[in-house]
Amino acid sequence: MSTKYKANNNNVYFVTITTVEWVDIFTRLNHKQTIIDSLNYCRENKGLNIYGYTLMHSHLHMICSAKKGFELPDIIRDFKKHTSKQIVQNIKKEPESRREWLLELFSKACEHLKKEQEYKVWQDGYHAEEVLNKEFLEQKLNYMHQNPVKDKVVLKAEDYLFSSARNYLNMEAMLQVEVSSLFER
């Protein structure tokens, strides 16, 4: 397996985690809240530093690192495992017009796996690029924060609640982040 786009140390990374077949699962508030709650748990209990994020309909972008004594790949693995289970539970127990279709899609995504698994929400692995300088950091923060604007979800980045754009403007936010001073912005 290639490690080109994997976090292999505890430096800061721009990470993208994507749903299977890019399915738009995060159009529902309950699934978005599952991600926010899980990120918050990882921040408070698993050593995750989050410097920026945006949750789109089919993927999550983050600029993040692991605190000393923790490993970023382990945090991401546990995050994906927990949120997969929680999202499937949400689909099964709460109103969901696409219930049968989603469960079938997530079930079929397991067919290639060696390990027995009933449902798979996230694609294998994740895409990680190490943040090495201020320019790259600022470009990725801008890219993430403008993503909902580009997709015409909102008119201004700070109007999107599931993003750290609000944190960077000192506005009330869904999730606390380490407003980056990584490269003394």
Foldseek 3Di string as FASTA:
>chain_A
DDCPFPDDFFAKKWKKWFWVVLAQLPPDPVLLVLLLVLVQCCVVPVFKAWQKWFDGRTMIITTIGGDPPHHPVVSVVVSQVVSFVVSLVCLVPDDDPCSVVQQVSQQVVCPPPPDDDRGHTIDPDIGIDGDDADVVVVVSLCCRLCVCCVVVVDVGSCVDQRICPCVLVVHDHSHDHDNDCPVDD
